[in-house]
Protein backbone atom coordinates (compact mmCIF):
# COMPACT_ATOMS: atom_id res chain seq x y z
CA MET A 1 0.46 14.00 13.18
CA SER A 2 1.07 15.57 10.62
CA GLU A 3 -0.94 15.71 7.91
CA SER A 4 0.62 14.50 4.99
CA VAL A 5 1.46 10.80 7.64
CA VAL A 6 -2.52 11.12 7.93
CA GLU A 7 -3.03 11.40 3.80
CA SER A 8 -1.10 8.77 2.50
CA GLN A 9 -1.53 6.42 5.19
CA GLY A 10 -5.38 6.55 3.34
CA LEU A 11 -4.04 5.40 0.61
CA ASP A 12 -1.73 2.63 1.73
CA ARG A 13 -3.01 -0.73 0.34
CA TYR A 14 -4.07 -3.15 2.50
CA GLU A 15 -3.34 -7.63 1.79
CA CYS A 16 -5.82 -9.94 2.74
CA ARG A 17 -4.63 -12.33 6.12
CA VAL A 18 -6.84 -15.12 4.47
CA CYS A 19 -6.43 -15.63 0.77
CA GLY A 20 -3.76 -12.71 -0.39
CA TYR A 21 -5.71 -10.04 -1.99
CA VAL A 22 -4.67 -6.84 -2.32
CA TYR A 23 -6.96 -3.88 -2.11
CA GLU A 24 -4.81 -0.38 -3.62
CA PRO A 25 -7.36 2.54 -3.42
CA THR A 26 -6.10 3.69 -6.41
CA LYS A 27 -7.53 1.26 -8.41
CA GLY A 28 -11.19 0.68 -5.07
CA ASP A 29 -12.89 -2.91 -6.13
CA SER A 30 -15.03 -2.81 -9.45
CA LYS A 31 -17.10 -5.91 -7.92
CA GLU A 32 -18.43 -4.03 -5.28
CA GLU A 33 -18.86 -0.67 -6.89
CA VAL A 34 -15.88 0.72 -5.00
CA PRO A 35 -14.84 3.87 -6.77
CA ALA A 36 -10.83 4.40 -7.07
CA GLY A 37 -9.53 6.75 -5.13
CA THR A 38 -11.53 5.24 -1.58
CA PRO A 39 -9.02 5.27 1.23
CA PHE A 40 -9.03 1.40 2.76
CA THR A 41 -10.28 3.41 6.32
CA GLU A 42 -12.97 4.66 4.62
CA LEU A 43 -14.65 1.38 3.25
CA ALA A 44 -18.78 0.83 4.75
CA SER A 45 -18.39 -1.83 7.43
CA SER A 46 -20.60 -4.30 5.08
CA TRP A 47 -17.44 -4.54 2.27
CA ARG A 48 -15.62 -8.14 2.24
CA CYS A 49 -12.31 -8.64 0.56
CA PRO A 50 -13.77 -9.89 -3.33
CA VAL A 51 -11.64 -13.43 -3.52
CA CYS A 52 -12.41 -14.75 -0.23
CA GLY A 53 -15.10 -12.89 1.77
CA ALA A 54 -13.31 -11.94 4.91
CA ARG A 55 -14.40 -8.78 6.69
CA THR A 56 -11.68 -5.39 6.83
CA SER A 57 -10.61 -6.94 10.28
CA GLN A 58 -8.29 -9.37 8.41
CA PHE A 59 -6.47 -7.17 6.33
CA GLU A 60 -3.38 -6.02 7.72
CA ASN A 61 -1.84 -2.19 6.41
CA ILE A 62 1.55 -3.40 4.05
CA GLY A 63 1.91 0.76 3.29
CA PRO A 64 2.12 2.13 -0.26
CA THR A 65 3.13 0.72 -3.67
CA GLY A 66 6.78 1.51 -5.24
CA LYS A 67 7.64 1.87 -0.89
CA ALA A 68 10.84 0.04 0.45
CA SER A 69 9.29 -3.22 1.75
CA GLY A 70 10.82 -4.21 5.60
CA PHE A 71 11.67 -2.09 9.09
CA GLU A 72 12.25 1.06 8.44
CA SER A 73 14.84 0.56 10.98
CA ASN A 74 16.79 -1.79 8.70
CA LEU A 75 16.40 -0.35 5.99
CA GLY A 76 20.33 1.51 6.33
CA TYR A 77 21.92 -1.80 6.31
CA GLY A 78 23.35 -3.84 3.80
CA ILE A 79 24.84 -2.41 0.76
CA GLY A 80 21.94 -0.18 -0.26
CA VAL A 81 20.08 -2.75 -2.11
CA ASN A 82 17.34 -2.59 1.65
CA LYS A 83 16.06 0.98 0.20
CA LEU A 84 15.27 -0.56 -2.96
CA THR A 85 12.16 -0.86 -4.48
CA PRO A 86 10.93 -4.14 -4.51
CA ALA A 87 10.67 -3.44 -8.45
CA GLN A 88 13.85 -1.93 -8.55
CA LYS A 89 14.94 -4.86 -6.97
CA ASN A 90 13.43 -7.09 -9.69
CA LEU A 91 15.45 -4.93 -12.40
CA LEU A 92 18.91 -5.65 -10.74
CA ILE A 93 17.94 -9.14 -9.86
CA PHE A 94 16.58 -10.19 -14.29
CA GLY A 95 18.85 -7.80 -15.26
CA GLY A 96 21.79 -9.31 -13.95
CA LEU A 97 20.61 -13.08 -14.81
CA ALA A 98 20.36 -11.36 -18.13
CA LEU A 99 24.20 -10.16 -18.64
CA GLY A 100 25.23 -13.42 -17.41
CA PHE A 101 23.61 -15.69 -19.73
CA LEU A 102 24.73 -12.94 -22.24
CA LEU A 103 27.99 -13.41 -21.13
CA PHE A 104 28.10 -17.01 -21.19
CA MET A 105 26.35 -17.14 -25.05
CA SER A 106 29.08 -14.79 -25.86
CA LEU A 107 31.50 -18.02 -25.30
CA TYR A 108 30.40 -19.69 -27.98
CA GLY A 109 32.34 -16.64 -30.14
CA LEU A 110 35.39 -17.70 -28.86
CA LYS A 111 37.71 -19.86 -30.98
C-alpha cells in the first residue's frame, strides 16, 4: 500500500452508526480535548462519541471531506453528475431551482 493512501485514510471522517455524529480529524473533539489533526485511528481506546457515548467500534469510515459520494466503480456512470462532490451537487440543484424561479417570476413582466 502506498504512503499517500495510508495518509489519506488517516484524515478520513468517521460517522457514528448510533446517532449520526461525524468525527472530523481536521476539527478534533473539543469536549474530550482531542486536538485538531488527530486521525480517528489514533484516538484513545477510552474515547467515546460526544453525543451518544458509543464506542469507536460503532463508527464507520465515510471518507474525506469533499470527495464524491458512492462506490468508486459507480462514479463513471450517468452524465458526469456522479463525480460531483456533495457541495457541487447542492449548487447544481439549488442553482437550477433559483434559475427556474427567476424565469417564472419574469413571466409577470410580460403583457
